[in-house]
């Protein structure tokens, strides 16, 4: 599904690690990661130009605290921290990917980045101002996207994690920002409005514009087969 969005290319190395951090082409930037990880980029990690645009949307002010949900090897966080003045935190379940991300960050002395080895259900959303989601739970319902066997995948987890994120976003204050890339955006509650899009509407900036409805009420009115509370979309302003 996601693999069809991007063309795989033969890796071409640039001259130094510092250049990797500022490369605009994915086949160059991704060489900052081990080969086995960079090969997954076309399907699982956000394209570099998408990362830059999303980071600018989310870190609208210096010091903005951004959480990347399912950060993988930290690509979005690394690009965000090197192109904005925001502070980026990534949460990732796979210990191997966490180690890769931390190694890159430490080796290149990248500031304002934290990578957490953990589950999204253990994160306090109130510690952050903005959030990034690139289909973080889709592996659970599309076995062909499985990265490895380090973590358990179940269809029920897709429902549970999606509902959890939606519930937490409901509790956030007005003007909270969320950027989604691809996917159905089921994590986004009805009180958020899509105010900007990019990359042929695949990238969306959502802002909480209305007071939250009671979560139990939204859950009771879910209308999708997975049991995830349905998102009532707002108007889109390109």
C-alpha atoms as a PDB file:
ATOM      1  CA  UNK A   1       0.000   0.000   0.000  1.00  0.00           C
ATOM      2  CA  UNK A   2       2.483   2.610   1.183  1.00  0.00           C
ATOM      3  CA  UNK A   3       5.272   1.120  -0.908  1.00  0.00           C
ATOM      4  CA  UNK A   4       3.536   2.300  -4.066  1.00  0.00           C
ATOM      5  CA  UNK A   5       3.823   5.935  -2.918  1.00  0.00           C
ATOM      6  CA  UNK A   6       7.571   6.115  -3.355  1.00  0.00           C
ATOM      7  CA  UNK A   7      10.123   4.877  -5.871  1.00  0.00           C
ATOM      8  CA  UNK A   8      13.040   2.903  -4.445  1.00  0.00           C
ATOM      9  CA  UNK A   9      16.393   4.111  -5.689  1.00  0.00           C
ATOM     10  CA  UNK A  10      19.966   2.890  -5.506  1.00  0.00           C
ATOM     11  CA  UNK A  11      21.686   4.565  -2.524  1.00  0.00           C
ATOM     12  CA  UNK A  12      24.204   7.253  -3.434  1.00  0.00           C
ATOM     13  CA  UNK A  13      26.521   8.364  -0.674  1.00  0.00           C
ATOM     14  CA  UNK A  14      27.313  12.026  -0.117  1.00  0.00           C
ATOM     15  CA  UNK A  15      30.601  13.211   1.330  1.00  0.00           C
ATOM     16  CA  UNK A  16      30.051  13.334   5.084  1.00  0.00           C
ATOM     17  CA  UNK A  17      27.614  12.634   7.902  1.00  0.00           C
ATOM     18  CA  UNK A  18      27.035  16.359   8.247  1.00  0.00           C
ATOM     19  CA  UNK A  19      25.891  16.453   4.626  1.00  0.00           C
ATOM     20  CA  UNK A  20      23.552  13.529   5.279  1.00  0.00           C
ATOM     21  CA  UNK A  21      21.694  15.670   7.818  1.00  0.00           C
ATOM     22  CA  UNK A  22      21.040  18.399   5.262  1.00  0.00           C
ATOM     23  CA  UNK A  23      20.478  16.241   2.175  1.00  0.00           C
ATOM     24  CA  UNK A  24      17.228  17.015   0.378  1.00  0.00           C
ATOM     25  CA  UNK A  25      16.979  13.667  -1.416  1.00  0.00           C
ATOM     26  CA  UNK A  26      15.897  10.609   0.534  1.00  0.00           C
ATOM     27  CA  UNK A  27      18.417   8.273  -1.043  1.00  0.00           C
ATOM     28  CA  UNK A  28      21.102  10.619   0.305  1.00  0.00           C
ATOM     29  CA  UNK A  29      19.672  11.441   3.732  1.00  0.00           C
ATOM     30  CA  UNK A  30      18.807   7.827   4.532  1.00  0.00           C
ATOM     31  CA  UNK A  31      22.466   6.827   4.302  1.00  0.00           C
ATOM     32  CA  UNK A  32      22.838   8.207   7.810  1.00  0.00           C
ATOM     33  CA  UNK A  33      21.158   4.972   8.915  1.00  0.00           C
ATOM     34  CA  UNK A  34      22.450   1.389   8.674  1.00  0.00           C
ATOM     35  CA  UNK A  35      21.738  -0.202   5.289  1.00  0.00           C
ATOM     36  CA  UNK A  36      19.033  -2.527   6.654  1.00  0.00           C
ATOM     37  CA  UNK A  37      17.180   0.480   8.082  1.00  0.00           C
ATOM     38  CA  UNK A  38      17.610   2.770   5.084  1.00  0.00           C
ATOM     39  CA  UNK A  39      16.139   0.065   2.838  1.00  0.00           C
ATOM     40  CA  UNK A  40      12.868   0.362   4.774  1.00  0.00           C
ATOM     41  CA  UNK A  41      12.645   4.096   4.239  1.00  0.00           C
ATOM     42  CA  UNK A  42      10.535   4.155   1.081  1.00  0.00           C
ATOM     43  CA  UNK A  43       7.729   2.304   2.830  1.00  0.00           C
ATOM     44  CA  UNK A  44       8.019   3.126   6.519  1.00  0.00           C
ATOM     45  CA  UNK A  45       9.801   6.458   7.095  1.00  0.00           C
ATOM     46  CA  UNK A  46       8.456   9.832   5.969  1.00  0.00           C
ATOM     47  CA  UNK A  47      10.172  11.413   2.930  1.00  0.00           C
ATOM     48  CA  UNK A  48      12.677  14.126   3.846  1.00  0.00           C
ATOM     49  CA  UNK A  49      10.728  16.929   2.148  1.00  0.00           C
ATOM     50  CA  UNK A  50       7.571  15.831   3.974  1.00  0.00           C
ATOM     51  CA  UNK A  51       9.466  15.843   7.277  1.00  0.00           C
ATOM     52  CA  UNK A  52      10.668  19.404   6.705  1.00  0.00           C
ATOM     53  CA  UNK A  53       7.211  20.705   5.836  1.00  0.00           C
ATOM     54  CA  UNK A  54       5.522  18.858   8.699  1.00  0.00           C
ATOM     55  CA  UNK A  55       8.107  20.066  11.214  1.00  0.00           C
ATOM     56  CA  UNK A  56       7.593  23.678  10.141  1.00  0.00           C
ATOM     57  CA  UNK A  57       3.836  23.265  10.520  1.00  0.00           C
ATOM     58  CA  UNK A  58       4.192  21.836  14.029  1.00  0.00           C
ATOM     59  CA  UNK A  59       7.076  23.838  15.474  1.00  0.00           C
ATOM     60  CA  UNK A  60       5.416  27.147  14.720  1.00  0.00           C
ATOM     61  CA  UNK A  61       7.231  28.813  17.626  1.00  0.00           C
ATOM     62  CA  UNK A  62      10.749  28.309  19.046  1.00  0.00           C
ATOM     63  CA  UNK A  63      10.707  25.707  21.799  1.00  0.00           C
ATOM     64  CA  UNK A  64       7.492  24.027  20.652  1.00  0.00           C
ATOM     65  CA  UNK A  65       7.405  20.451  21.959  1.00  0.00           C
ATOM     66  CA  UNK A  66       6.533  17.948  19.241  1.00  0.00           C
ATOM     67  CA  UNK A  67       5.847  14.224  19.704  1.00  0.00           C
ATOM     68  CA  UNK A  68       6.372  11.801  16.814  1.00  0.00           C
ATOM     69  CA  UNK A  69       4.150   8.785  17.468  1.00  0.00           C
ATOM     70  CA  UNK A  70       5.953   5.678  16.212  1.00  0.00           C
ATOM     71  CA  UNK A  71       9.194   7.443  15.306  1.00  0.00           C
ATOM     72  CA  UNK A  72      11.135   4.478  13.898  1.00  0.00           C
ATOM     73  CA  UNK A  73      14.838   5.426  13.592  1.00  0.00           C
ATOM     74  CA  UNK A  74      14.034   9.068  14.339  1.00  0.00           C
ATOM     75  CA  UNK A  75      14.088  10.480  10.801  1.00  0.00           C
ATOM     76  CA  UNK A  76      11.294  13.023  11.335  1.00  0.00           C
ATOM     77  CA  UNK A  77      12.675  14.117  14.721  1.00  0.00           C
ATOM     78  CA  UNK A  78      16.205  14.533  13.363  1.00  0.00           C
ATOM     79  CA  UNK A  79      15.048  16.602  10.388  1.00  0.00           C
ATOM     80  CA  UNK A  80      12.693  18.615  12.578  1.00  0.00           C
ATOM     81  CA  UNK A  81      15.416  19.472  15.074  1.00  0.00           C
ATOM     82  CA  UNK A  82      17.889  20.479  12.358  1.00  0.00           C
ATOM     83  CA  UNK A  83      15.438  22.651  10.394  1.00  0.00           C
ATOM     84  CA  UNK A  84      13.356  24.336  13.138  1.00  0.00           C
ATOM     85  CA  UNK A  85      13.776  25.617  16.682  1.00  0.00           C
ATOM     86  CA  UNK A  86      11.335  23.056  18.090  1.00  0.00           C
ATOM     87  CA  UNK A  87      12.079  20.245  20.549  1.00  0.00           C
ATOM     88  CA  UNK A  88      11.269  16.830  19.084  1.00  0.00           C
ATOM     89  CA  UNK A  89      10.515  13.638  20.994  1.00  0.00           C
ATOM     90  CA  UNK A  90       9.929  10.296  19.320  1.00  0.00           C
ATOM     91  CA  UNK A  91       8.338   7.254  20.928  1.00  0.00           C
ATOM     92  CA  UNK A  92       9.122   3.838  19.450  1.00  0.00           C
ATOM     93  CA  UNK A  93       8.418   0.271  20.600  1.00  0.00           C
ATOM     94  CA  UNK A  94      11.281  -1.424  18.781  1.00  0.00           C
ATOM     95  CA  UNK A  95      14.486  -1.308  20.836  1.00  0.00           C
ATOM     96  CA  UNK A  96      16.589  -1.801  17.704  1.00  0.00           C
ATOM     97  CA  UNK A  97      15.190   1.319  16.050  1.00  0.00           C
ATOM     98  CA  UNK A  98      15.573   3.305  19.265  1.00  0.00           C
ATOM     99  CA  UNK A  99      19.273   2.363  19.396  1.00  0.00           C
ATOM    100  CA  UNK A 100      19.749   3.407  15.765  1.00  0.00           C
ATOM    101  CA  UNK A 101      18.063   6.768  16.376  1.00  0.00           C
ATOM    102  CA  UNK A 102      20.073   7.495  19.522  1.00  0.00           C
ATOM    103  CA  UNK A 103      23.351   6.545  17.830  1.00  0.00           C
ATOM    104  CA  UNK A 104      22.703   8.960  14.953  1.00  0.00           C
ATOM    105  CA  UNK A 105      21.689  11.750  17.339  1.00  0.00           C
ATOM    106  CA  UNK A 106      24.723  11.283  19.587  1.00  0.00           C
ATOM    107  CA  UNK A 107      27.201  10.842  16.750  1.00  0.00           C
ATOM    108  CA  UNK A 108      26.048  14.034  15.044  1.00  0.00           C
ATOM    109  CA  UNK A 109      25.479  16.060  18.225  1.00  0.00           C
ATOM    110  CA  UNK A 110      21.906  16.897  17.235  1.00  0.00           C
ATOM    111  CA  UNK A 111      20.222  19.135  19.832  1.00  0.00           C
ATOM    112  CA  UNK A 112      16.598  19.174  21.008  1.00  0.00           C
ATOM    113  CA  UNK A 113      15.830  15.515  20.237  1.00  0.00           C
ATOM    114  CA  UNK A 114      14.775  12.765  22.628  1.00  0.00           C
ATOM    115  CA  UNK A 115      13.931   9.191  21.639  1.00  0.00           C
ATOM    116  CA  UNK A 116      11.841   7.150  24.072  1.00  0.00           C
ATOM    117  CA  UNK A 117      11.667   3.362  24.026  1.00  0.00           C
ATOM    118  CA  UNK A 118       8.071   2.695  24.962  1.00  0.00           C
ATOM    119  CA  UNK A 119       4.399   2.415  24.109  1.00  0.00           C
ATOM    120  CA  UNK A 120       2.222   5.353  23.117  1.00  0.00           C
ATOM    121  CA  UNK A 121      -0.166   4.443  25.940  1.00  0.00           C
ATOM    122  CA  UNK A 122       2.571   5.294  28.440  1.00  0.00           C
ATOM    123  CA  UNK A 123       3.180   8.813  27.104  1.00  0.00           C
ATOM    124  CA  UNK A 124       1.725  11.928  28.720  1.00  0.00           C
ATOM    125  CA  UNK A 125       0.284  13.961  25.838  1.00  0.00           C
ATOM    126  CA  UNK A 126       0.110  17.034  28.068  1.00  0.00           C
ATOM    127  CA  UNK A 127       3.914  17.215  27.949  1.00  0.00           C
ATOM    128  CA  UNK A 128       3.680  18.240  24.284  1.00  0.00           C
ATOM    129  CA  UNK A 129       2.274  21.026  22.129  1.00  0.00           C
ATOM    130  CA  UNK A 130       1.992  19.208  18.816  1.00  0.00           C
ATOM    131  CA  UNK A 131       1.967  15.704  17.328  1.00  0.00           C
ATOM    132  CA  UNK A 132       3.042  13.905  14.149  1.00  0.00           C
ATOM    133  CA  UNK A 133       1.479  10.690  12.824  1.00  0.00           C
ATOM    134  CA  UNK A 134       2.488   8.703   9.761  1.00  0.00           C
ATOM    135  CA  UNK A 135       0.189   5.676   9.981  1.00  0.00           C
ATOM    136  CA  UNK A 136       1.917   4.524  13.181  1.00  0.00           C
ATOM    137  CA  UNK A 137      -0.404   1.581  13.840  1.00  0.00           C
ATOM    138  CA  UNK A 138      -1.119   0.303  10.330  1.00  0.00           C
ATOM    139  CA  UNK A 139       1.301  -2.617  10.644  1.00  0.00           C
ATOM    140  CA  UNK A 140      -1.244  -4.265  12.938  1.00  0.00           C
ATOM    141  CA  UNK A 141      -3.814  -4.608  10.162  1.00  0.00           C
ATOM    142  CA  UNK A 142      -1.506  -4.957   7.145  1.00  0.00           C
ATOM    143  CA  UNK A 143       0.870  -7.886   7.778  1.00  0.00           C
ATOM    144  CA  UNK A 144       2.682  -7.165   4.495  1.00  0.00           C
ATOM    145  CA  UNK A 145       4.072  -4.017   6.153  1.00  0.00           C
ATOM    146  CA  UNK A 146       5.647  -5.916   9.046  1.00  0.00           C
ATOM    147  CA  UNK A 147       9.147  -4.621   9.756  1.00  0.00           C
ATOM    148  CA  UNK A 148      10.287  -7.527  11.945  1.00  0.00           C
ATOM    149  CA  UNK A 149       9.096  -9.798  14.747  1.00  0.00           C
ATOM    150  CA  UNK A 150      10.400  -7.724  17.642  1.00  0.00           C
ATOM    151  CA  UNK A 151       6.920  -6.515  18.646  1.00  0.00           C
ATOM    152  CA  UNK A 152       3.534  -8.228  18.704  1.00  0.00           C
ATOM    153  CA  UNK A 153       1.090  -7.227  15.985  1.00  0.00           C
ATOM    154  CA  UNK A 154      -2.677  -7.656  16.373  1.00  0.00           C
ATOM    155  CA  UNK A 155      -5.652  -6.108  14.598  1.00  0.00           C
ATOM    156  CA  UNK A 156      -7.066  -5.242  18.007  1.00  0.00           C
ATOM    157  CA  UNK A 157      -4.009  -3.126  18.779  1.00  0.00           C
ATOM    158  CA  UNK A 158      -4.762  -0.920  15.773  1.00  0.00           C
ATOM    159  CA  UNK A 159      -8.169  -0.191  17.275  1.00  0.00           C
ATOM    160  CA  UNK A 160      -6.866   0.270  20.814  1.00  0.00           C
ATOM    161  CA  UNK A 161      -3.972   2.566  19.898  1.00  0.00           C
ATOM    162  CA  UNK A 162      -6.045   4.649  17.492  1.00  0.00           C
ATOM    163  CA  UNK A 163      -8.788   5.121  20.080  1.00  0.00           C
ATOM    164  CA  UNK A 164      -6.202   5.976  22.737  1.00  0.00           C
ATOM    165  CA  UNK A 165      -4.605   8.698  20.614  1.00  0.00           C
ATOM    166  CA  UNK A 166      -8.006  10.130  19.765  1.00  0.00           C
ATOM    167  CA  UNK A 167      -8.972  10.209  23.430  1.00  0.00           C
ATOM    168  CA  UNK A 168      -5.743  11.966  24.395  1.00  0.00           C
ATOM    169  CA  UNK A 169      -6.098  14.538  21.618  1.00  0.00           C
ATOM    170  CA  UNK A 170      -9.623  15.272  22.808  1.00  0.00           C
ATOM    171  CA  UNK A 171      -8.174  16.270  26.173  1.00  0.00           C
ATOM    172  CA  UNK A 172      -5.626  18.678  24.729  1.00  0.00           C
ATOM    173  CA  UNK A 173      -6.176  22.450  24.891  1.00  0.00           C
ATOM    174  CA  UNK A 174      -7.463  24.584  22.053  1.00  0.00           C
ATOM    175  CA  UNK A 175      -4.940  25.347  19.289  1.00  0.00           C
ATOM    176  CA  UNK A 176      -3.140  22.005  19.721  1.00  0.00           C
ATOM    177  CA  UNK A 177      -1.555  21.068  16.378  1.00  0.00           C
ATOM    178  CA  UNK A 178      -1.445  17.646  14.742  1.00  0.00           C
ATOM    179  CA  UNK A 179       0.043  16.724  11.383  1.00  0.00           C
ATOM    180  CA  UNK A 180      -0.938  13.480   9.665  1.00  0.00           C
ATOM    181  CA  UNK A 181       0.725  11.992   6.613  1.00  0.00           C
ATOM    182  CA  UNK A 182      -1.364   9.565   4.521  1.00  0.00           C
ATOM    183  CA  UNK A 183      -3.916   7.286   6.160  1.00  0.00           C
ATOM    184  CA  UNK A 184      -7.540   7.761   7.142  1.00  0.00           C
ATOM    185  CA  UNK A 185      -6.850  10.168  10.030  1.00  0.00           C
ATOM    186  CA  UNK A 186      -9.102   8.216  12.400  1.00  0.00           C
ATOM    187  CA  UNK A 187      -6.977   9.420  15.307  1.00  0.00           C
ATOM    188  CA  UNK A 188      -8.215  12.983  14.761  1.00  0.00           C
ATOM    189  CA  UNK A 189     -11.281  13.994  16.838  1.00  0.00           C
ATOM    190  CA  UNK A 190     -14.138  16.057  15.440  1.00  0.00           C
ATOM    191  CA  UNK A 191     -13.047  19.129  17.393  1.00  0.00           C
ATOM    192  CA  UNK A 192      -9.951  19.449  15.180  1.00  0.00           C
ATOM    193  CA  UNK A 193     -10.142  21.230  11.837  1.00  0.00           C
ATOM    194  CA  UNK A 194      -7.869  20.645   8.869  1.00  0.00           C
ATOM    195  CA  UNK A 195      -6.452  24.107   8.177  1.00  0.00           C
ATOM    196  CA  UNK A 196      -3.714  23.323   5.675  1.00  0.00           C
ATOM    197  CA  UNK A 197      -2.692  20.569   3.285  1.00  0.00           C
ATOM    198  CA  UNK A 198       0.366  19.753   1.184  1.00  0.00           C
ATOM    199  CA  UNK A 199       1.717  17.005  -1.073  1.00  0.00           C
ATOM    200  CA  UNK A 200      -1.584  16.496  -2.924  1.00  0.00           C
ATOM    201  CA  UNK A 201      -3.558  16.468   0.341  1.00  0.00           C
ATOM    202  CA  UNK A 202      -1.532  13.583   1.788  1.00  0.00           C
ATOM    203  CA  UNK A 203      -0.060  15.875   4.467  1.00  0.00           C
ATOM    204  CA  UNK A 204      -2.628  17.580   6.684  1.00  0.00           C
ATOM    205  CA  UNK A 205      -2.317  20.098   9.485  1.00  0.00           C
ATOM    206  CA  UNK A 206      -5.089  19.816  12.060  1.00  0.00           C
ATOM    207  CA  UNK A 207      -5.752  22.387  14.784  1.00  0.00           C
ATOM    208  CA  UNK A 208      -8.098  21.999  17.737  1.00  0.00           C
ATOM    209  CA  UNK A 209     -10.657  24.723  17.138  1.00  0.00           C
ATOM    210  CA  UNK A 210     -13.636  23.624  19.225  1.00  0.00           C
ATOM    211  CA  UNK A 211     -14.180  22.429  22.808  1.00  0.00           C
ATOM    212  CA  UNK A 212     -14.048  18.656  23.100  1.00  0.00           C
ATOM    213  CA  UNK A 213     -17.108  16.499  23.036  1.00  0.00           C
ATOM    214  CA  UNK A 214     -17.270  13.836  25.711  1.00  0.00           C
ATOM    215  CA  UNK A 215     -15.157  10.890  24.536  1.00  0.00           C
ATOM    216  CA  UNK A 216     -17.787   8.330  25.559  1.00  0.00           C
ATOM    217  CA  UNK A 217     -20.308  10.177  23.392  1.00  0.00           C
ATOM    218  CA  UNK A 218     -18.035  10.049  20.369  1.00  0.00           C
ATOM    219  CA  UNK A 219     -17.280   6.371  20.987  1.00  0.00           C
ATOM    220  CA  UNK A 220     -21.000   5.603  21.169  1.00  0.00           C
ATOM    221  CA  UNK A 221     -21.446   7.196  17.756  1.00  0.00           C
ATOM    222  CA  UNK A 222     -18.596   5.405  16.032  1.00  0.00           C
ATOM    223  CA  UNK A 223     -19.546   4.381  12.513  1.00  0.00           C
ATOM    224  CA  UNK A 224     -16.608   2.359  11.259  1.00  0.00           C
ATOM    225  CA  UNK A 225     -16.216  -1.385  11.350  1.00  0.00           C
ATOM    226  CA  UNK A 226     -13.087  -1.328  13.533  1.00  0.00           C
ATOM    227  CA  UNK A 227     -14.942   0.263  16.416  1.00  0.00           C
ATOM    228  CA  UNK A 228     -12.706   3.317  16.333  1.00  0.00           C
ATOM    229  CA  UNK A 229     -14.629   6.538  17.066  1.00  0.00           C
ATOM    230  CA  UNK A 230     -15.351   8.174  13.737  1.00  0.00           C
ATOM    231  CA  UNK A 231     -13.816  11.541  12.951  1.00  0.00           C
ATOM    232  CA  UNK A 232     -16.174  14.198  11.711  1.00  0.00           C
ATOM    233  CA  UNK A 233     -14.016  16.262   9.408  1.00  0.00           C
ATOM    234  CA  UNK A 234     -13.906  20.024   9.384  1.00  0.00           C
ATOM    235  CA  UNK A 235     -13.502  22.222   6.341  1.00  0.00           C
ATOM    236  CA  UNK A 236     -10.154  22.116   4.606  1.00  0.00           C
ATOM    237  CA  UNK A 237      -8.359  25.318   3.727  1.00  0.00           C
ATOM    238  CA  UNK A 238      -5.569  24.625   1.254  1.00  0.00           C
END
